[in-house]
Protein backbone atom coordinates (compact mmCIF):
# COMPACT_ATOMS: atom_id res chain seq x y z
CA UNK A 1 69.31 80.78 103.04
CA UNK A 2 70.13 79.98 99.39
CA UNK A 3 72.66 82.82 99.26
CA UNK A 4 74.32 81.65 102.48
CA UNK A 5 74.48 78.05 101.25
CA UNK A 6 76.01 79.02 97.91
CA UNK A 7 78.56 81.31 99.54
CA UNK A 8 79.45 78.61 102.04
CA UNK A 9 79.95 76.15 99.18
CA UNK A 10 82.13 78.58 97.23
CA UNK A 11 84.29 79.40 100.24
CA UNK A 12 84.79 75.68 100.89
CA UNK A 13 86.54 75.28 97.51
CA UNK A 14 90.17 76.29 98.01
CA UNK A 15 91.00 77.97 94.66
CA UNK A 16 87.68 79.85 94.63
CA UNK A 17 88.16 81.00 98.22
CA UNK A 18 91.66 82.23 97.37
CA UNK A 19 90.38 84.11 94.30
CA UNK A 20 87.53 85.76 96.20
CA UNK A 21 89.85 87.03 98.95
CA UNK A 22 92.38 88.25 96.40
CA UNK A 23 89.72 90.37 94.71
CA UNK A 24 88.41 91.63 98.07
CA UNK A 25 91.83 92.72 99.36
CA UNK A 26 92.62 94.42 96.05
CA UNK A 27 89.31 96.29 96.27
CA UNK A 28 90.05 97.40 99.83
CA UNK A 29 93.49 98.66 98.85
CA UNK A 30 91.98 100.83 96.12
CA UNK A 31 88.99 101.99 98.16
CA UNK A 32 90.64 102.72 101.51
CA UNK A 33 94.07 103.86 100.40
CA UNK A 34 93.41 107.53 101.13
CA UNK A 35 92.36 106.67 104.67
CA UNK A 36 95.70 104.89 105.18
CA UNK A 37 94.30 101.68 106.57
CA UNK A 38 97.58 100.07 107.58
CA UNK A 39 96.16 96.97 109.31
CA UNK A 40 93.74 94.38 107.92
CA UNK A 41 93.63 92.16 111.03
CA UNK A 42 91.20 92.04 113.94
CA UNK A 43 92.06 93.71 117.23
CA UNK A 44 93.50 92.42 120.52
CA UNK A 45 93.34 93.62 124.11
CA UNK A 46 94.26 91.81 127.32
CA UNK A 47 92.77 92.33 130.79
CA UNK A 48 94.38 94.31 132.35
CA UNK A 49 95.26 96.33 129.25
CA UNK A 50 98.60 95.64 127.59
CA UNK A 51 99.76 99.28 127.75
CA UNK A 52 102.76 98.68 125.50
CA UNK A 53 104.59 101.96 124.75
CA UNK A 54 103.84 103.23 121.25
CA UNK A 55 105.02 106.13 119.13
CA UNK A 56 102.44 108.88 118.74
CA UNK A 57 101.79 107.94 115.11
CA UNK A 58 100.99 104.35 116.11
CA UNK A 59 98.50 105.09 118.86
CA UNK A 60 95.41 105.15 116.63
CA UNK A 61 96.26 101.59 115.57
CA UNK A 62 96.94 100.30 119.09
CA UNK A 63 94.45 97.43 119.12
CA UNK A 64 95.69 96.08 115.78
CA UNK A 65 99.33 96.47 116.80
CA UNK A 66 98.68 94.57 120.00
CA UNK A 67 97.73 91.45 118.05
CA UNK A 68 101.03 91.62 116.16
CA UNK A 69 102.88 92.30 119.42
CA UNK A 70 101.26 89.29 121.10
CA UNK A 71 102.16 86.95 118.24
CA UNK A 72 105.67 88.27 117.57
CA UNK A 73 106.91 88.36 121.16
CA UNK A 74 106.78 84.57 121.32
CA UNK A 75 110.33 84.73 119.89
CA UNK A 76 113.27 87.13 119.85
CA UNK A 77 113.37 89.03 116.54
CA UNK A 78 116.42 91.17 117.29
CA UNK A 79 119.19 90.58 114.76
CA UNK A 80 117.16 87.87 113.00
CA UNK A 81 116.05 87.33 109.42
CA UNK A 82 112.25 87.49 109.50
CA UNK A 83 109.63 86.73 106.86
CA UNK A 84 106.02 87.84 107.20
CA UNK A 85 103.65 86.02 104.85
CA UNK A 86 100.50 87.97 103.87
CA UNK A 87 101.55 91.35 105.22
CA UNK A 88 98.45 93.23 104.03
CA UNK A 89 99.06 96.98 104.12
CA UNK A 90 102.30 96.62 106.05
CA UNK A 91 101.37 98.16 109.39
CA UNK A 92 102.51 95.13 111.37
CA UNK A 93 105.75 94.84 109.40
CA UNK A 94 106.53 98.49 110.06
CA UNK A 95 105.81 98.26 113.79
CA UNK A 96 107.81 95.06 114.32
CA UNK A 97 110.81 96.30 112.32
CA UNK A 98 110.96 99.60 114.21
CA UNK A 99 110.37 98.02 117.61
CA UNK A 100 112.31 94.74 117.64
CA UNK A 101 115.13 95.51 115.19
CA UNK A 102 115.50 92.37 113.06
CA UNK A 103 118.48 92.55 110.74
CA UNK A 104 116.07 91.92 107.84
CA UNK A 105 112.28 91.88 107.70
CA UNK A 106 110.90 90.60 104.40
CA UNK A 107 107.14 91.12 104.01
CA UNK A 108 105.28 89.23 101.27
CA UNK A 109 101.73 89.53 99.99
CA UNK A 110 99.76 88.20 97.02
CA UNK A 111 98.08 91.55 96.31
CA UNK A 112 100.33 93.64 93.99
CA UNK A 113 98.40 96.82 94.77
CA UNK A 114 98.98 96.24 98.45
CA UNK A 115 102.71 95.74 97.89
CA UNK A 116 102.87 98.96 95.84
CA UNK A 117 101.17 100.77 98.71
CA UNK A 118 103.58 99.30 101.28
CA UNK A 119 106.66 100.20 99.25
CA UNK A 120 105.50 103.80 99.01
CA UNK A 121 104.31 104.19 102.60
CA UNK A 122 106.75 102.15 104.75
CA UNK A 123 110.33 103.17 104.04
CA UNK A 124 112.39 101.76 106.91
CA UNK A 125 115.91 100.38 106.99
CA UNK A 126 115.87 96.59 106.98
CA UNK A 127 112.26 96.34 105.77
CA UNK A 128 111.44 95.15 102.27
CA UNK A 129 108.22 94.15 100.51
CA UNK A 130 107.76 91.58 97.76
CA UNK A 131 104.77 90.27 95.84
CA UNK A 132 104.37 86.51 96.08
CA UNK A 133 102.23 83.48 96.89
CA UNK A 134 102.08 81.99 100.41
CA UNK A 135 101.82 78.51 98.90
CA UNK A 136 104.88 78.95 96.68
CA UNK A 137 107.30 81.16 98.61
CA UNK A 138 109.98 82.67 96.33
CA UNK A 139 112.90 82.00 98.68
CA UNK A 140 115.56 79.28 99.00
CA UNK A 141 115.51 76.65 101.73
CA UNK A 142 116.65 77.64 105.24
CA UNK A 143 116.57 81.40 104.58
CA UNK A 144 114.78 82.75 107.67
CA UNK A 145 115.06 82.53 111.45
CA UNK A 146 111.41 83.47 111.96
CA UNK A 147 108.29 83.25 109.80
CA UNK A 148 105.22 85.24 110.89
CA UNK A 149 101.64 84.83 109.68
CA UNK A 150 98.78 86.82 111.20
CA UNK A 151 95.12 86.17 110.38
CA UNK A 152 95.58 85.13 106.77
CA UNK A 153 95.78 81.35 106.37
CA UNK A 154 91.97 80.93 106.28
CA UNK A 155 92.18 82.56 102.82
CA UNK A 156 94.64 80.03 101.39
CA UNK A 157 93.62 77.31 98.98
CA UNK A 158 95.74 74.60 100.63
CA UNK A 159 96.90 75.09 104.21
CA UNK A 160 99.21 72.01 104.28
CA UNK A 161 101.09 73.36 101.27
CA UNK A 162 101.62 76.69 103.04
CA UNK A 163 102.85 74.96 106.20
CA UNK A 164 105.26 72.89 104.11
CA UNK A 165 106.60 76.08 102.54
CA UNK A 166 107.06 77.63 105.99
CA UNK A 167 109.12 74.63 107.11
CA UNK A 168 111.15 74.72 103.90
CA UNK A 169 112.27 78.36 104.22
CA UNK A 170 112.90 78.19 107.99
CA UNK A 171 116.35 77.41 109.31
CA UNK A 172 116.66 74.51 111.79
CA UNK A 173 115.58 75.83 115.18
CA UNK A 174 113.65 78.65 113.50
CA UNK A 175 110.27 79.76 114.79
CA UNK A 176 106.88 79.99 113.07
CA UNK A 177 104.70 82.58 114.84
CA UNK A 178 101.08 82.24 113.82
CA UNK A 179 97.55 83.42 114.58
CA UNK A 180 94.25 82.73 112.84
CA UNK A 181 90.66 81.60 113.32
CA UNK A 182 88.29 78.92 112.05
CA UNK A 183 84.55 78.31 112.23
CA UNK A 184 83.55 75.21 114.18
CA UNK A 185 83.04 73.08 111.06
CA UNK A 186 86.62 73.79 109.97
CA UNK A 187 88.38 73.10 113.28
CA UNK A 188 89.08 69.41 112.71
CA UNK A 189 90.65 70.04 109.32
CA UNK A 190 92.72 72.92 110.76
CA UNK A 191 93.99 70.81 113.66
CA UNK A 192 94.79 67.92 111.32
CA UNK A 193 96.87 70.16 109.06
CA UNK A 194 98.77 71.69 111.99
CA UNK A 195 99.42 68.30 113.57
CA UNK A 196 100.78 66.96 110.28
CA UNK A 197 103.05 69.94 109.61
CA UNK A 198 106.83 69.30 109.74
CA UNK A 199 107.05 71.62 112.78
CA UNK A 200 106.98 71.12 116.54
CA UNK A 201 104.29 72.99 118.48
CA UNK A 202 105.81 75.04 121.31
CA UNK A 203 102.81 77.08 122.41
CA UNK A 204 99.08 77.31 121.70
CA UNK A 205 96.56 79.80 123.13
CA UNK A 206 92.87 80.53 122.59
CA UNK A 207 92.52 84.31 122.27
CA UNK A 208 88.78 84.72 121.60
CA UNK A 209 88.32 86.90 124.70
CA UNK A 210 91.24 89.17 123.81
CA UNK A 211 90.09 89.59 120.21
CA UNK A 212 86.51 90.40 121.29
CA UNK A 213 87.81 92.93 123.83
CA UNK A 214 89.88 94.56 121.09
CA UNK A 215 86.95 94.65 118.66
CA UNK A 216 84.79 96.35 121.28
CA UNK A 217 87.46 98.94 121.97
CA UNK A 218 87.80 99.64 118.26
CA UNK A 219 84.10 99.60 117.35
CA UNK A 220 83.53 103.25 116.43
CA UNK A 221 86.44 103.37 114.01
CA UNK A 222 85.39 100.12 112.32
CA UNK A 223 81.82 101.36 111.79
CA UNK A 224 83.15 104.57 110.23
CA UNK A 225 85.32 102.66 107.76
CA UNK A 226 82.53 100.29 106.73
CA UNK A 227 80.17 103.18 105.94
CA UNK A 228 82.71 104.35 103.34
CA UNK A 229 82.15 101.18 101.30
CA UNK A 230 79.39 100.87 98.67
CA UNK A 231 76.15 99.72 100.30
CA UNK A 232 76.18 96.34 98.56
CA UNK A 233 79.60 95.66 100.13
CA UNK A 234 78.80 96.78 103.67
CA UNK A 235 77.53 93.42 104.97
CA UNK A 236 80.80 91.75 104.00
CA UNK A 237 82.62 94.81 105.33
CA UNK A 238 80.96 94.41 108.73
CA UNK A 239 82.21 90.81 108.91
CA UNK A 240 85.66 91.85 107.70
CA UNK A 241 85.84 94.50 110.45
CA UNK A 242 84.28 92.28 113.12
CA UNK A 243 81.68 94.87 114.07
CA UNK A 244 79.36 93.99 116.95
CA UNK A 245 76.38 92.04 115.60
CA UNK A 246 78.30 90.74 112.59
CA UNK A 247 78.64 87.03 111.88
CA UNK A 248 82.30 87.10 112.94
CA UNK A 249 81.62 88.93 116.21
CA UNK A 250 78.73 86.66 117.17
CA UNK A 251 80.76 83.59 116.23
CA UNK A 252 83.63 84.64 118.49
CA UNK A 253 81.24 85.53 121.29
CA UNK A 254 79.38 82.21 121.16
CA UNK A 255 82.38 80.00 120.53
CA UNK A 256 81.29 79.11 117.00
CA UNK A 257 84.62 80.59 115.89
CA UNK A 258 87.92 79.71 117.54
CA UNK A 259 90.77 82.23 117.33
CA UNK A 260 94.20 80.94 118.37
CA UNK A 261 97.82 82.02 118.49
CA UNK A 262 100.71 79.57 118.12
CA UNK A 263 104.46 79.22 118.22
CA UNK A 264 106.06 76.36 116.27
CA UNK A 265 109.70 75.39 115.88
CA UNK A 266 111.51 73.69 113.03
CA UNK A 267 113.37 70.78 114.57
CA UNK A 268 116.87 70.09 113.30
CA UNK A 269 117.06 66.83 111.35
């Protein structure tokens, strides 16, 4: 109980939470690079199954891709300037660029090792990767038609600052496509930040059932990856992968965690 309480306290302090996740993602990039783990998000599956057509090389990542597909298809990306904030290992950026043909897809992440990996592994016309901070985006005002953020904002020190940065870099009429989760005790603060953001909510959906279905479909692969971590890291790894019986899985199953997808729009002044 003492360990849980201390960890809960640490993760409630924004800068500490951000530092812990930065170290964790950097560790994963080093540890799992050879296995080419291209997605760091949870899975997604609808009922009936989505059955989106995929290239042969994408099929093993279907459940992860489907979460990106669900979030991104809330807007038209074709011919648009798109920014993904917290792109991880770039799998989603690669899939969306190849599939929906934005004129430019800029993918940003705080982890420099992750960006190095992406630049080496994903070489696609129109796709570029840059190291940077979600709470201080290195772009001028009104640069992008679409900003995308998948399962990352719970790691940020200050969510309202990130949302303000999203609004700043979006063009009037631009879309913010977003998905993330919160534990029950963080829901009110999450809702308050979203309600106060300088963006208009267009769509909101609870996707707990779809995420759980995806995690179940992907269970064997997740277990295999976690066993590659040092033993002292495997408990955190099980949560990170959402393996059945983990805190994350049980939370989603019992409703102690809420996972949502959103579409917001920047209203012209």
